[in-house]
Amino acid sequence: MKTLKRAIKRTLNLLGISAFNRREPSFTSSSAYWESRYRAGKDSGIGSYGRLAVFKARVINEFVTERGIRSVIELGCGDGNQLKLANYETYLGFDVSPEAIRRCTSSFSNSDSYRFKLLTGMPEERAELTLSLDVIFHLVEDHVFESYLSLLFGCSERYVIIYSSNFDRFNPAVPHVRHREFLPRVAEAFPSWKLIITIPSIYPRSSGEADTSYGDFYFFEKQA
């Protein structure tokens, strides 16, 4: 069996088909990638599961409680697994993937406080807090990145929480990931918003362990 697997691997390599291409949907655009991924039965990724999900939920839930936040909008709700650990009074999740919205609607069908919608433009809804968790470094196209930031800050009345990497890097072998140094762009484009808190990940990728993340927390508050 091992000999057969090695032979298949050699054949695929000769044909230029990598293990990455066999595991992941082909990349044409950010939105198409995630729809294809979810339709293939895959999930939102390691950041929405295990100890990383628990860490993020603890930080956000504490902030929501301390600030008395009653309404939350998330731009990029994914498969909804991270949301299972949340404690929000009302929540509206948006995503560009119809399959992600279908999954979330099914998972939270018994909750009247949690709703989900396909993101097709500027939402009419507003909330005290908007969330972006592990999304920014998946916005490969520049125009998608710019539009997303406008939506994220435009939908919030008080606070924005971003969990993301904050450096520039792109590896063509992983086409659905593009790390961005987004803080200077936020400061330039949204001067009425102030960075009030940063919380480093307690599971940084630099540790070399499994289930780690390049992301950190960035909290913004709208100034009067």
N, C-alpha and C. Protein backbone atom coordinates (compact mmCIF):
# COMPACT_ATOMS: atom_id res chain seq x y z
N MET A 1 0.83 -1.21 0.00
CA MET A 1 0.00 0.00 0.00
C MET A 1 0.86 1.26 0.00
N LYS A 2 1.92 1.26 0.84
CA LYS A 2 2.80 2.43 0.90
C LYS A 2 3.50 2.65 -0.43
N THR A 3 3.89 1.52 -1.09
CA THR A 3 4.54 1.62 -2.39
C THR A 3 3.61 2.23 -3.43
N LEU A 4 2.33 1.84 -3.37
CA LEU A 4 1.34 2.38 -4.30
C LEU A 4 1.14 3.87 -4.06
N LYS A 5 1.06 4.28 -2.80
CA LYS A 5 0.88 5.70 -2.47
C LYS A 5 2.05 6.52 -2.97
N ARG A 6 3.28 5.98 -2.79
CA ARG A 6 4.46 6.71 -3.25
C ARG A 6 4.45 6.84 -4.77
N ALA A 7 4.00 5.79 -5.46
CA ALA A 7 3.95 5.83 -6.92
C ALA A 7 2.94 6.86 -7.40
N ILE A 8 1.78 6.90 -6.73
CA ILE A 8 0.76 7.89 -7.09
C ILE A 8 1.28 9.30 -6.86
N LYS A 9 1.97 9.50 -5.73
CA LYS A 9 2.50 10.82 -5.41
C LYS A 9 3.52 11.26 -6.46
N ARG A 10 4.40 10.33 -6.87
CA ARG A 10 5.40 10.67 -7.90
C ARG A 10 4.73 11.04 -9.21
N THR A 11 3.68 10.29 -9.56
CA THR A 11 2.96 10.58 -10.80
C THR A 11 2.31 11.95 -10.76
N LEU A 12 1.68 12.27 -9.63
CA LEU A 12 1.05 13.58 -9.49
C LEU A 12 2.09 14.70 -9.57
N ASN A 13 3.24 14.49 -8.95
CA ASN A 13 4.30 15.49 -9.00
C ASN A 13 4.79 15.71 -10.42
N LEU A 14 4.92 14.62 -11.18
CA LEU A 14 5.34 14.74 -12.57
C LEU A 14 4.33 15.51 -13.40
N LEU A 15 3.06 15.37 -13.04
CA LEU A 15 1.99 16.09 -13.75
C LEU A 15 1.81 17.51 -13.26
N GLY A 16 2.57 17.87 -12.20
CA GLY A 16 2.47 19.22 -11.65
C GLY A 16 1.29 19.41 -10.74
N ILE A 17 0.76 18.32 -10.19
CA ILE A 17 -0.39 18.41 -9.29
C ILE A 17 0.11 18.23 -7.87
N SER A 18 0.04 19.28 -7.07
CA SER A 18 0.57 19.22 -5.71
C SER A 18 -0.46 18.68 -4.75
N ALA A 19 0.00 18.31 -3.57
CA ALA A 19 -0.91 17.84 -2.53
C ALA A 19 -1.87 18.95 -2.13
N PHE A 20 -1.38 20.20 -2.17
CA PHE A 20 -2.25 21.33 -1.82
C PHE A 20 -3.43 21.42 -2.78
N ASN A 21 -3.14 21.26 -4.08
CA ASN A 21 -4.21 21.38 -5.07
C ASN A 21 -5.22 20.25 -4.95
N ARG A 22 -4.78 19.09 -4.47
CA ARG A 22 -5.70 17.98 -4.31
C ARG A 22 -6.58 18.15 -3.09
N ARG A 23 -6.11 18.86 -2.09
CA ARG A 23 -6.87 19.02 -0.86
C ARG A 23 -7.83 20.20 -0.93
N GLU A 24 -7.42 21.28 -1.59
CA GLU A 24 -8.17 22.52 -1.55
C GLU A 24 -8.83 22.83 -2.90
N PRO A 25 -9.97 23.54 -2.87
CA PRO A 25 -10.57 23.97 -4.13
C PRO A 25 -9.63 24.90 -4.88
N SER A 26 -9.71 24.93 -6.20
CA SER A 26 -8.89 25.84 -6.99
C SER A 26 -9.32 27.27 -6.69
N PHE A 27 -8.37 28.20 -6.80
CA PHE A 27 -8.65 29.59 -6.43
C PHE A 27 -8.89 30.44 -7.66
N THR A 28 -10.03 31.11 -7.69
CA THR A 28 -10.34 32.08 -8.73
C THR A 28 -10.63 33.45 -8.14
N SER A 29 -11.26 33.47 -6.96
CA SER A 29 -11.53 34.71 -6.23
C SER A 29 -11.78 34.34 -4.78
N SER A 30 -11.73 35.34 -3.90
CA SER A 30 -11.94 35.07 -2.48
C SER A 30 -13.31 34.47 -2.23
N SER A 31 -14.34 35.07 -2.77
CA SER A 31 -15.69 34.59 -2.52
C SER A 31 -15.92 33.21 -3.13
N ALA A 32 -15.42 32.99 -4.34
CA ALA A 32 -15.59 31.70 -5.00
C ALA A 32 -14.85 30.60 -4.25
N TYR A 33 -13.68 30.94 -3.72
CA TYR A 33 -12.91 29.94 -2.97
C TYR A 33 -13.70 29.43 -1.79
N TRP A 34 -14.28 30.35 -0.99
CA TRP A 34 -14.96 29.92 0.22
C TRP A 34 -16.26 29.18 -0.08
N GLU A 35 -16.97 29.59 -1.10
CA GLU A 35 -18.18 28.86 -1.47
C GLU A 35 -17.82 27.44 -1.90
N SER A 36 -16.78 27.32 -2.72
CA SER A 36 -16.33 26.01 -3.17
C SER A 36 -15.86 25.16 -2.00
N ARG A 37 -15.16 25.77 -1.07
CA ARG A 37 -14.65 25.05 0.10
C ARG A 37 -15.80 24.50 0.95
N TYR A 38 -16.78 25.36 1.24
CA TYR A 38 -17.91 24.90 2.06
C TYR A 38 -18.74 23.85 1.34
N ARG A 39 -18.91 24.02 0.05
CA ARG A 39 -19.70 23.03 -0.70
C ARG A 39 -18.98 21.68 -0.77
N ALA A 40 -17.66 21.72 -0.61
CA ALA A 40 -16.88 20.48 -0.59
C ALA A 40 -16.91 19.81 0.78
N GLY A 41 -17.67 20.40 1.70
CA GLY A 41 -17.81 19.81 3.02
C GLY A 41 -16.76 20.22 4.03
N LYS A 42 -15.91 21.20 3.67
CA LYS A 42 -14.86 21.65 4.58
C LYS A 42 -15.40 22.71 5.53
N ASP A 43 -14.60 23.03 6.57
CA ASP A 43 -15.05 23.98 7.58
C ASP A 43 -14.32 25.32 7.43
N SER A 44 -14.50 26.20 8.42
CA SER A 44 -13.92 27.54 8.35
C SER A 44 -12.43 27.59 8.64
N GLY A 45 -11.88 26.47 9.10
CA GLY A 45 -10.44 26.45 9.36
C GLY A 45 -10.13 26.35 10.84
N ILE A 46 -8.87 26.13 11.14
CA ILE A 46 -8.43 25.85 12.49
C ILE A 46 -8.72 26.99 13.47
N GLY A 47 -8.75 28.23 12.97
CA GLY A 47 -8.98 29.36 13.85
C GLY A 47 -10.35 29.40 14.49
N SER A 48 -11.31 28.67 13.94
CA SER A 48 -12.68 28.66 14.45
C SER A 48 -12.97 27.45 15.32
N TYR A 49 -11.93 26.68 15.63
CA TYR A 49 -12.11 25.45 16.39
C TYR A 49 -11.06 25.35 17.51
N GLY A 50 -11.32 24.44 18.45
CA GLY A 50 -10.35 24.13 19.48
C GLY A 50 -10.00 25.29 20.38
N ARG A 51 -8.75 25.30 20.83
CA ARG A 51 -8.34 26.29 21.82
C ARG A 51 -8.31 27.71 21.27
N LEU A 52 -8.10 27.87 19.96
CA LEU A 52 -8.13 29.20 19.38
C LEU A 52 -9.54 29.79 19.45
N ALA A 53 -10.54 28.98 19.16
CA ALA A 53 -11.93 29.44 19.25
C ALA A 53 -12.29 29.79 20.68
N VAL A 54 -11.84 28.99 21.63
CA VAL A 54 -12.13 29.26 23.06
C VAL A 54 -11.48 30.57 23.49
N PHE A 55 -10.24 30.79 23.09
CA PHE A 55 -9.54 32.03 23.43
C PHE A 55 -10.26 33.25 22.88
N LYS A 56 -10.63 33.21 21.62
CA LYS A 56 -11.31 34.35 21.00
C LYS A 56 -12.67 34.61 21.64
N ALA A 57 -13.40 33.56 21.93
CA ALA A 57 -14.71 33.72 22.55
C ALA A 57 -14.59 34.34 23.93
N ARG A 58 -13.60 33.93 24.69
CA ARG A 58 -13.43 34.48 26.04
C ARG A 58 -13.15 35.98 25.98
N VAL A 59 -12.25 36.39 25.10
CA VAL A 59 -11.89 37.80 24.97
C VAL A 59 -13.09 38.64 24.54
N ILE A 60 -13.81 38.17 23.51
CA ILE A 60 -14.93 38.95 22.99
C ILE A 60 -16.09 38.98 23.98
N ASN A 61 -16.41 37.86 24.58
CA ASN A 61 -17.52 37.82 25.55
C ASN A 61 -17.26 38.75 26.73
N GLU A 62 -16.02 38.80 27.20
CA GLU A 62 -15.68 39.70 28.31
C GLU A 62 -15.86 41.15 27.91
N PHE A 63 -15.44 41.49 26.69
CA PHE A 63 -15.57 42.87 26.21
C PHE A 63 -17.04 43.24 26.06
N VAL A 64 -17.84 42.35 25.50
CA VAL A 64 -19.27 42.61 25.32
C VAL A 64 -19.96 42.83 26.66
N THR A 65 -19.61 42.04 27.65
CA THR A 65 -20.21 42.18 28.98
C THR A 65 -19.77 43.48 29.65
N GLU A 66 -18.47 43.75 29.61
CA GLU A 66 -17.93 44.95 30.28
C GLU A 66 -18.48 46.23 29.68
N ARG A 67 -18.68 46.27 28.37
CA ARG A 67 -19.15 47.49 27.69
C ARG A 67 -20.66 47.54 27.54
N GLY A 68 -21.36 46.54 28.00
CA GLY A 68 -22.82 46.52 27.91
C GLY A 68 -23.33 46.50 26.48
N ILE A 69 -22.66 45.78 25.62
CA ILE A 69 -23.03 45.72 24.21
C ILE A 69 -24.21 44.77 24.00
N ARG A 70 -25.21 45.24 23.29
CA ARG A 70 -26.43 44.45 23.10
C ARG A 70 -26.59 43.94 21.68
N SER A 71 -25.93 44.56 20.69
CA SER A 71 -26.11 44.13 19.29
C SER A 71 -24.75 43.96 18.62
N VAL A 72 -24.62 42.87 17.86
CA VAL A 72 -23.36 42.52 17.21
C VAL A 72 -23.63 42.14 15.75
N ILE A 73 -22.79 42.65 14.86
CA ILE A 73 -22.76 42.23 13.47
C ILE A 73 -21.39 41.65 13.19
N GLU A 74 -21.36 40.49 12.55
CA GLU A 74 -20.10 39.89 12.14
C GLU A 74 -20.05 39.81 10.63
N LEU A 75 -18.98 40.32 10.05
CA LEU A 75 -18.78 40.27 8.60
C LEU A 75 -17.80 39.13 8.30
N GLY A 76 -18.36 37.99 7.94
CA GLY A 76 -17.57 36.79 7.71
C GLY A 76 -17.84 35.77 8.79
N CYS A 77 -19.09 35.34 8.90
CA CYS A 77 -19.48 34.43 9.99
C CYS A 77 -19.02 33.00 9.74
N GLY A 78 -18.66 32.66 8.49
CA GLY A 78 -18.17 31.32 8.20
C GLY A 78 -19.19 30.24 8.49
N ASP A 79 -18.70 29.11 8.99
CA ASP A 79 -19.61 27.98 9.24
C ASP A 79 -20.33 28.07 10.58
N GLY A 80 -20.04 29.12 11.38
CA GLY A 80 -20.76 29.34 12.62
C GLY A 80 -20.22 28.63 13.84
N ASN A 81 -19.13 27.89 13.69
CA ASN A 81 -18.62 27.16 14.85
C ASN A 81 -18.13 28.09 15.95
N GLN A 82 -17.43 29.17 15.57
CA GLN A 82 -16.97 30.14 16.56
C GLN A 82 -18.15 30.75 17.32
N LEU A 83 -19.23 30.97 16.64
CA LEU A 83 -20.41 31.60 17.23
C LEU A 83 -21.03 30.74 18.33
N LYS A 84 -20.82 29.44 18.29
CA LYS A 84 -21.39 28.56 19.30
C LYS A 84 -20.86 28.86 20.70
N LEU A 85 -19.73 29.55 20.79
CA LEU A 85 -19.13 29.90 22.07
C LEU A 85 -19.44 31.34 22.49
N ALA A 86 -20.21 32.05 21.67
CA ALA A 86 -20.48 33.47 21.92
C ALA A 86 -21.63 33.66 22.89
N ASN A 87 -21.67 34.86 23.46
CA ASN A 87 -22.75 35.24 24.38
C ASN A 87 -23.22 36.65 24.00
N TYR A 88 -24.05 36.73 22.95
CA TYR A 88 -24.54 38.00 22.44
C TYR A 88 -26.05 38.08 22.63
N GLU A 89 -26.55 39.28 22.92
CA GLU A 89 -27.99 39.46 23.06
C GLU A 89 -28.67 39.35 21.71
N THR A 90 -28.14 40.06 20.71
CA THR A 90 -28.62 39.92 19.33
C THR A 90 -27.41 39.88 18.41
N TYR A 91 -27.54 39.11 17.35
CA TYR A 91 -26.40 38.89 16.45
C TYR A 91 -26.90 38.76 15.03
N LEU A 92 -26.16 39.38 14.10
CA LEU A 92 -26.44 39.26 12.67
C LEU A 92 -25.14 38.90 11.97
N GLY A 93 -25.10 37.73 11.36
CA GLY A 93 -23.90 37.28 10.68
C GLY A 93 -24.04 37.37 9.18
N PHE A 94 -23.02 37.96 8.54
CA PHE A 94 -22.98 38.05 7.08
C PHE A 94 -21.83 37.20 6.55
N ASP A 95 -22.00 36.67 5.35
CA ASP A 95 -20.92 35.97 4.68
C ASP A 95 -21.16 36.04 3.17
N VAL A 96 -20.07 35.89 2.41
CA VAL A 96 -20.19 35.92 0.95
C VAL A 96 -20.56 34.56 0.39
N SER A 97 -20.55 33.53 1.23
CA SER A 97 -20.85 32.18 0.77
C SER A 97 -22.29 31.79 1.10
N PRO A 98 -23.11 31.50 0.10
CA PRO A 98 -24.47 31.01 0.37
C PRO A 98 -24.48 29.73 1.18
N GLU A 99 -23.50 28.87 0.95
CA GLU A 99 -23.45 27.61 1.69
C GLU A 99 -23.15 27.87 3.17
N ALA A 100 -22.29 28.84 3.47
CA ALA A 100 -22.02 29.19 4.86
C ALA A 100 -23.28 29.71 5.55
N ILE A 101 -24.03 30.54 4.86
CA ILE A 101 -25.28 31.07 5.42
C ILE A 101 -26.27 29.94 5.65
N ARG A 102 -26.32 28.99 4.73
CA ARG A 102 -27.22 27.85 4.90
C ARG A 102 -26.85 27.04 6.13
N ARG A 103 -25.56 26.80 6.30
CA ARG A 103 -25.11 26.03 7.47
C ARG A 103 -25.45 26.75 8.77
N CYS A 104 -25.16 28.03 8.82
CA CYS A 104 -25.42 28.80 10.05
C CYS A 104 -26.91 28.86 10.36
N THR A 105 -27.72 29.10 9.35
CA THR A 105 -29.16 29.17 9.55
C THR A 105 -29.69 27.85 10.10
N SER A 106 -29.14 26.75 9.60
CA SER A 106 -29.54 25.44 10.09
C SER A 106 -29.07 25.20 11.53
N SER A 107 -27.82 25.57 11.81
CA SER A 107 -27.26 25.32 13.14
C SER A 107 -27.95 26.12 14.23
N PHE A 108 -28.41 27.33 13.90
CA PHE A 108 -29.02 28.20 14.90
C PHE A 108 -30.51 28.41 14.63
N SER A 109 -31.15 27.41 14.07
CA SER A 109 -32.56 27.53 13.70
C SER A 109 -33.47 27.72 14.91
N ASN A 110 -33.01 27.35 16.10
CA ASN A 110 -33.82 27.49 17.30
C ASN A 110 -33.62 28.81 18.02
N SER A 111 -32.78 29.69 17.47
CA SER A 111 -32.50 30.98 18.10
C SER A 111 -33.16 32.12 17.33
N ASP A 112 -33.99 32.89 18.02
CA ASP A 112 -34.60 34.07 17.41
C ASP A 112 -33.66 35.27 17.44
N SER A 113 -32.59 35.19 18.23
CA SER A 113 -31.68 36.32 18.41
C SER A 113 -30.52 36.32 17.43
N TYR A 114 -30.29 35.18 16.77
CA TYR A 114 -29.19 35.06 15.82
C TYR A 114 -29.74 34.92 14.41
N ARG A 115 -29.34 35.85 13.54
CA ARG A 115 -29.79 35.83 12.15
C ARG A 115 -28.59 35.82 11.21
N PHE A 116 -28.83 35.43 9.96
CA PHE A 116 -27.74 35.32 8.99
C PHE A 116 -28.22 35.78 7.62
N LYS A 117 -27.34 36.51 6.93
CA LYS A 117 -27.67 37.02 5.61
C LYS A 117 -26.46 36.95 4.70
N LEU A 118 -26.74 36.82 3.40
CA LEU A 118 -25.69 36.84 2.40
C LEU A 118 -25.20 38.29 2.23
N LEU A 119 -23.89 38.47 2.21
CA LEU A 119 -23.30 39.81 2.05
C LEU A 119 -23.20 40.13 0.57
N THR A 120 -24.01 41.08 0.12
CA THR A 120 -24.03 41.45 -1.29
C THR A 120 -23.74 42.94 -1.51
N GLY A 121 -23.63 43.70 -0.46
CA GLY A 121 -23.39 45.13 -0.56
C GLY A 121 -23.41 45.73 0.83
N MET A 122 -23.57 47.04 0.93
CA MET A 122 -23.64 47.68 2.24
C MET A 122 -24.94 47.31 2.93
N PRO A 123 -24.87 46.60 4.07
CA PRO A 123 -26.09 46.24 4.79
C PRO A 123 -26.80 47.48 5.33
N GLU A 124 -28.12 47.39 5.42
CA GLU A 124 -28.89 48.47 6.02
C GLU A 124 -28.79 48.44 7.54
N GLU A 125 -28.53 47.27 8.10
CA GLU A 125 -28.49 47.11 9.55
C GLU A 125 -27.22 47.73 10.15
N ARG A 126 -27.36 48.16 11.39
CA ARG A 126 -26.23 48.68 12.16
C ARG A 126 -26.23 48.01 13.53
N ALA A 127 -25.05 47.97 14.17
CA ALA A 127 -24.94 47.36 15.49
C ALA A 127 -23.93 48.15 16.33
N GLU A 128 -23.98 47.94 17.63
CA GLU A 128 -23.02 48.60 18.51
C GLU A 128 -21.60 48.11 18.27
N LEU A 129 -21.49 46.85 17.88
CA LEU A 129 -20.18 46.23 17.66
C LEU A 129 -20.18 45.46 16.36
N THR A 130 -19.12 45.63 15.55
CA THR A 130 -18.93 44.77 14.39
C THR A 130 -17.65 43.95 14.59
N LEU A 131 -17.69 42.72 14.10
CA LEU A 131 -16.59 41.77 14.28
C LEU A 131 -15.99 41.35 12.94
N SER A 132 -14.68 41.18 12.95
CA SER A 132 -13.96 40.59 11.82
C SER A 132 -12.95 39.62 12.40
N LEU A 133 -13.25 38.33 12.31
CA LEU A 133 -12.41 37.30 12.92
C LEU A 133 -11.79 36.41 11.84
N ASP A 134 -10.48 36.49 11.70
CA ASP A 134 -9.76 35.67 10.72
C ASP A 134 -10.28 35.89 9.30
N VAL A 135 -10.59 37.12 8.96
CA VAL A 135 -11.12 37.41 7.62
C VAL A 135 -10.14 38.22 6.79
N ILE A 136 -9.55 39.26 7.35
CA ILE A 136 -8.77 40.22 6.56
C ILE A 136 -7.66 39.55 5.77
N PHE A 137 -6.99 38.56 6.34
CA PHE A 137 -5.90 37.92 5.60
C PHE A 137 -6.39 36.92 4.56
N HIS A 138 -7.71 36.82 4.41
CA HIS A 138 -8.27 36.02 3.32
C HIS A 138 -8.83 36.91 2.20
N LEU A 139 -8.69 38.22 2.33
CA LEU A 139 -9.18 39.14 1.31
C LEU A 139 -8.03 39.42 0.34
N VAL A 140 -7.88 38.57 -0.63
CA VAL A 140 -6.72 38.60 -1.51
C VAL A 140 -6.75 39.80 -2.45
N GLU A 141 -7.93 40.13 -2.98
CA GLU A 141 -8.04 41.23 -3.93
C GLU A 141 -8.05 42.57 -3.21
N ASP A 142 -7.32 43.55 -3.76
CA ASP A 142 -7.24 44.86 -3.11
C ASP A 142 -8.60 45.53 -2.99
N HIS A 143 -9.41 45.46 -4.04
CA HIS A 143 -10.71 46.14 -4.00
C HIS A 143 -11.65 45.47 -3.00
N VAL A 144 -11.51 44.16 -2.83
CA VAL A 144 -12.33 43.45 -1.83
C VAL A 144 -11.91 43.87 -0.43
N PHE A 145 -10.61 43.98 -0.21
CA PHE A 145 -10.08 44.43 1.08
C PHE A 145 -10.59 45.83 1.43
N GLU A 146 -10.50 46.75 0.49
CA GLU A 146 -10.93 48.13 0.73
C GLU A 146 -12.43 48.20 1.00
N SER A 147 -13.20 47.48 0.20
CA SER A 147 -14.65 47.47 0.39
C SER A 147 -15.03 46.87 1.74
N TYR A 148 -14.34 45.82 2.12
CA TYR A 148 -14.64 45.15 3.38
C TYR A 148 -14.41 46.08 4.56
N LEU A 149 -13.30 46.81 4.57
CA LEU A 149 -13.04 47.74 5.67
C LEU A 149 -14.13 48.81 5.75
N SER A 150 -14.58 49.29 4.61
CA SER A 150 -15.65 50.30 4.60
C SER A 150 -16.93 49.74 5.20
N LEU A 151 -17.25 48.49 4.88
CA LEU A 151 -18.43 47.85 5.46
C LEU A 151 -18.26 47.65 6.96
N LEU A 152 -17.09 47.18 7.35
CA LEU A 152 -16.84 46.86 8.76
C LEU A 152 -17.01 48.08 9.65
N PHE A 153 -16.42 49.19 9.27
CA PHE A 153 -16.51 50.40 10.08
C PHE A 153 -17.81 51.16 9.83
N GLY A 154 -18.38 50.99 8.64
CA GLY A 154 -19.62 51.67 8.32
C GLY A 154 -20.83 51.09 9.03
N CYS A 155 -20.78 49.82 9.40
CA CYS A 155 -21.91 49.16 10.05
C CYS A 155 -21.91 49.32 11.57
N SER A 156 -20.83 49.85 12.12
CA SER A 156 -20.72 49.92 13.57
C SER A 156 -21.08 51.29 14.12
N GLU A 157 -21.75 51.27 15.25
CA GLU A 157 -22.12 52.51 15.93
C GLU A 157 -21.14 52.89 17.04
N ARG A 158 -20.42 51.87 17.59
CA ARG A 158 -19.54 52.15 18.74
C ARG A 158 -18.17 51.50 18.64
N TYR A 159 -18.14 50.19 18.37
CA TYR A 159 -16.89 49.46 18.44
C TYR A 159 -16.69 48.55 17.23
N VAL A 160 -15.42 48.31 16.92
CA VAL A 160 -15.02 47.33 15.92
C VAL A 160 -13.93 46.45 16.54
N ILE A 161 -14.08 45.14 16.41
CA ILE A 161 -13.04 44.22 16.86
C ILE A 161 -12.53 43.45 15.64
N ILE A 162 -11.23 43.49 15.46
CA ILE A 162 -10.58 42.75 14.38
C ILE A 162 -9.61 41.75 14.98
N TYR A 163 -9.70 40.52 14.54
CA TYR A 163 -8.69 39.51 14.88
C TYR A 163 -8.02 39.12 13.58
N SER A 164 -6.75 39.49 13.44
CA SER A 164 -6.05 39.27 12.18
C SER A 164 -4.56 39.43 12.36
N SER A 165 -3.81 38.97 11.36
CA SER A 165 -2.40 39.30 11.27
C SER A 165 -2.30 40.77 10.85
N ASN A 166 -1.12 41.36 11.05
CA ASN A 166 -0.92 42.77 10.70
C ASN A 166 0.48 42.96 10.11
N PHE A 167 0.75 42.24 9.04
CA PHE A 167 2.00 42.35 8.31
C PHE A 167 1.72 41.95 6.87
N ASP A 168 2.59 42.36 5.97
CA ASP A 168 2.41 42.06 4.55
C ASP A 168 3.17 40.79 4.16
N ARG A 169 2.44 39.84 3.59
CA ARG A 169 3.07 38.62 3.08
C ARG A 169 2.08 37.88 2.18
N PHE A 170 2.58 37.38 1.07
CA PHE A 170 1.75 36.57 0.19
C PHE A 170 2.59 35.43 -0.37
N ASN A 171 2.07 34.21 -0.27
CA ASN A 171 2.72 33.02 -0.79
C ASN A 171 1.82 32.45 -1.89
N PRO A 172 2.25 32.48 -3.15
CA PRO A 172 1.41 31.99 -4.25
C PRO A 172 0.97 30.54 -4.09
N ALA A 173 1.71 29.78 -3.29
CA ALA A 173 1.34 28.38 -3.06
C ALA A 173 0.09 28.25 -2.20
N VAL A 174 -0.25 29.35 -1.50
CA VAL A 174 -1.46 29.38 -0.67
C VAL A 174 -2.28 30.59 -1.13
N PRO A 175 -2.93 30.50 -2.27
CA PRO A 175 -3.51 31.69 -2.91
C PRO A 175 -4.69 32.31 -2.20
N HIS A 176 -5.31 31.61 -1.23
CA HIS A 176 -6.45 32.19 -0.52
C HIS A 176 -6.03 32.95 0.72
N VAL A 177 -4.73 33.11 0.94
CA VAL A 177 -4.23 33.85 2.10
C VAL A 177 -3.31 34.97 1.63
N ARG A 178 -3.59 36.18 2.09
CA ARG A 178 -2.73 37.33 1.83
C ARG A 178 -2.70 38.19 3.10
N HIS A 179 -1.62 38.07 3.84
CA HIS A 179 -1.49 38.87 5.06
C HIS A 179 -1.31 40.34 4.68
N ARG A 180 -1.95 41.19 5.47
CA ARG A 180 -1.90 42.63 5.19
C ARG A 180 -1.60 43.42 6.46
N GLU A 181 -0.75 44.43 6.32
CA GLU A 181 -0.55 45.38 7.41
C GLU A 181 -1.69 46.40 7.32
N PHE A 182 -2.79 46.09 7.99
CA PHE A 182 -4.02 46.86 7.79
C PHE A 182 -4.14 48.08 8.70
N LEU A 183 -3.41 48.13 9.80
CA LEU A 183 -3.58 49.24 10.74
C LEU A 183 -3.31 50.61 10.11
N PRO A 184 -2.25 50.79 9.33
CA PRO A 184 -2.06 52.11 8.69
C PRO A 184 -3.22 52.49 7.79
N ARG A 185 -3.82 51.51 7.11
CA ARG A 185 -4.94 51.81 6.22
C ARG A 185 -6.17 52.24 7.02
N VAL A 186 -6.40 51.60 8.16
CA VAL A 186 -7.53 51.99 9.01
C VAL A 186 -7.33 53.42 9.53
N ALA A 187 -6.12 53.73 9.98
CA ALA A 187 -5.84 55.06 10.50
C ALA A 187 -6.04 56.14 9.43
N GLU A 188 -5.69 55.81 8.20
CA GLU A 188 -5.82 56.77 7.10
C GLU A 188 -7.27 56.93 6.65
N ALA A 189 -7.98 55.82 6.51
CA ALA A 189 -9.31 55.85 5.92
C ALA A 189 -10.41 56.16 6.94
N PHE A 190 -10.17 55.88 8.22
CA PHE A 190 -11.21 56.05 9.24
C PHE A 190 -10.66 56.81 10.44
N PRO A 191 -10.36 58.09 10.26
CA PRO A 191 -9.72 58.88 11.31
C PRO A 191 -10.58 59.09 12.55
N SER A 192 -11.89 58.87 12.45
CA SER A 192 -12.76 59.05 13.61
C SER A 192 -12.76 57.81 14.51
N TRP A 193 -12.02 56.79 14.13
CA TRP A 193 -11.93 55.58 14.93
C TRP A 193 -10.55 55.49 15.59
N LYS A 194 -10.55 55.17 16.88
CA LYS A 194 -9.30 55.10 17.66
C LYS A 194 -9.04 53.67 18.11
N LEU A 195 -7.79 53.23 17.92
CA LEU A 195 -7.37 51.93 18.42
C LEU A 195 -7.21 52.04 19.93
N ILE A 196 -8.04 51.32 20.69
CA ILE A 196 -8.05 51.48 22.14
C ILE A 196 -7.43 50.30 22.89
N ILE A 197 -7.42 49.12 22.28
CA ILE A 197 -6.90 47.93 22.95
C ILE A 197 -6.26 47.01 21.91
N THR A 198 -5.14 46.43 22.26
CA THR A 198 -4.57 45.33 21.48
C THR A 198 -4.32 44.17 22.44
N ILE A 199 -4.65 42.97 22.01
CA ILE A 199 -4.44 41.78 22.83
C ILE A 199 -3.74 40.73 21.96
N PRO A 200 -2.48 40.43 22.27
CA PRO A 200 -1.77 39.41 21.48
C PRO A 200 -2.40 38.03 21.67
N SER A 201 -2.29 37.23 20.65
CA SER A 201 -2.76 35.85 20.76
C SER A 201 -1.93 35.11 21.80
N ILE A 202 -2.58 34.28 22.59
CA ILE A 202 -1.85 33.47 23.56
C ILE A 202 -1.32 32.19 22.91
N TYR A 203 -1.65 32.00 21.63
CA TYR A 203 -1.15 30.86 20.86
C TYR A 203 -0.52 31.36 19.57
N PRO A 204 0.58 32.10 19.66
CA PRO A 204 1.19 32.69 18.45
C PRO A 204 1.84 31.63 17.56
N ARG A 205 1.81 31.87 16.27
CA ARG A 205 2.40 30.93 15.32
C ARG A 205 3.90 30.77 15.56
N SER A 206 4.55 31.79 16.10
CA SER A 206 5.99 31.74 16.34
C SER A 206 6.39 30.69 17.37
N SER A 207 5.41 30.18 18.14
CA SER A 207 5.71 29.18 19.16
C SER A 207 6.08 27.83 18.55
N GLY A 208 5.68 27.61 17.30
CA GLY A 208 5.98 26.36 16.64
C GLY A 208 5.03 25.23 16.99
N GLU A 209 4.02 25.51 17.82
CA GLU A 209 3.06 24.49 18.21
C GLU A 209 1.94 24.37 17.16
N ALA A 210 1.17 23.30 17.29
CA ALA A 210 -0.02 23.15 16.46
C ALA A 210 -1.13 24.05 17.01
N ASP A 211 -2.18 24.28 16.23
CA ASP A 211 -3.31 25.10 16.66
C ASP A 211 -2.85 26.48 17.10
N THR A 212 -2.03 27.13 16.29
CA THR A 212 -1.55 28.47 16.58
C THR A 212 -2.02 29.44 15.50
N SER A 213 -1.78 30.72 15.72
CA SER A 213 -2.37 31.73 14.84
C SER A 213 -1.41 32.90 14.64
N TYR A 214 -1.46 33.49 13.43
CA TYR A 214 -0.74 34.73 13.16
C TYR A 214 -1.51 35.94 13.68
N GLY A 215 -2.76 35.75 14.08
CA GLY A 215 -3.63 36.86 14.42
C GLY A 215 -3.46 37.37 15.85
N ASP A 216 -3.84 38.62 16.04
CA ASP A 216 -3.96 39.26 17.34
C ASP A 216 -5.26 40.06 17.35
N PHE A 217 -5.69 40.49 18.53
CA PHE A 217 -6.91 41.30 18.65
C PHE A 217 -6.59 42.79 18.57
N TYR A 218 -7.45 43.51 17.83
CA TYR A 218 -7.38 44.97 17.73
C TYR A 218 -8.79 45.53 17.96
N PHE A 219 -8.93 46.39 18.97
CA PHE A 219 -10.22 46.96 19.35
C PHE A 219 -10.23 48.44 19.00
N PHE A 220 -11.28 48.86 18.29
CA PHE A 220 -11.43 50.26 17.89
C PHE A 220 -12.71 50.84 18.49
N GLU A 221 -12.64 52.13 18.82
CA GLU A 221 -13.81 52.83 19.34
C GLU A 221 -14.05 54.09 18.53
N LYS A 222 -15.31 54.36 18.21
CA LYS A 222 -15.66 55.55 17.45
C LYS A 222 -15.61 56.77 18.34
N GLN A 223 -14.93 57.81 17.87
CA GLN A 223 -14.78 59.02 18.66
C GLN A 223 -15.92 60.00 18.38
N ALA A 224 -16.30 60.72 19.38
CA ALA A 224 -17.42 61.67 19.24
C ALA A 224 -17.07 62.81 18.31
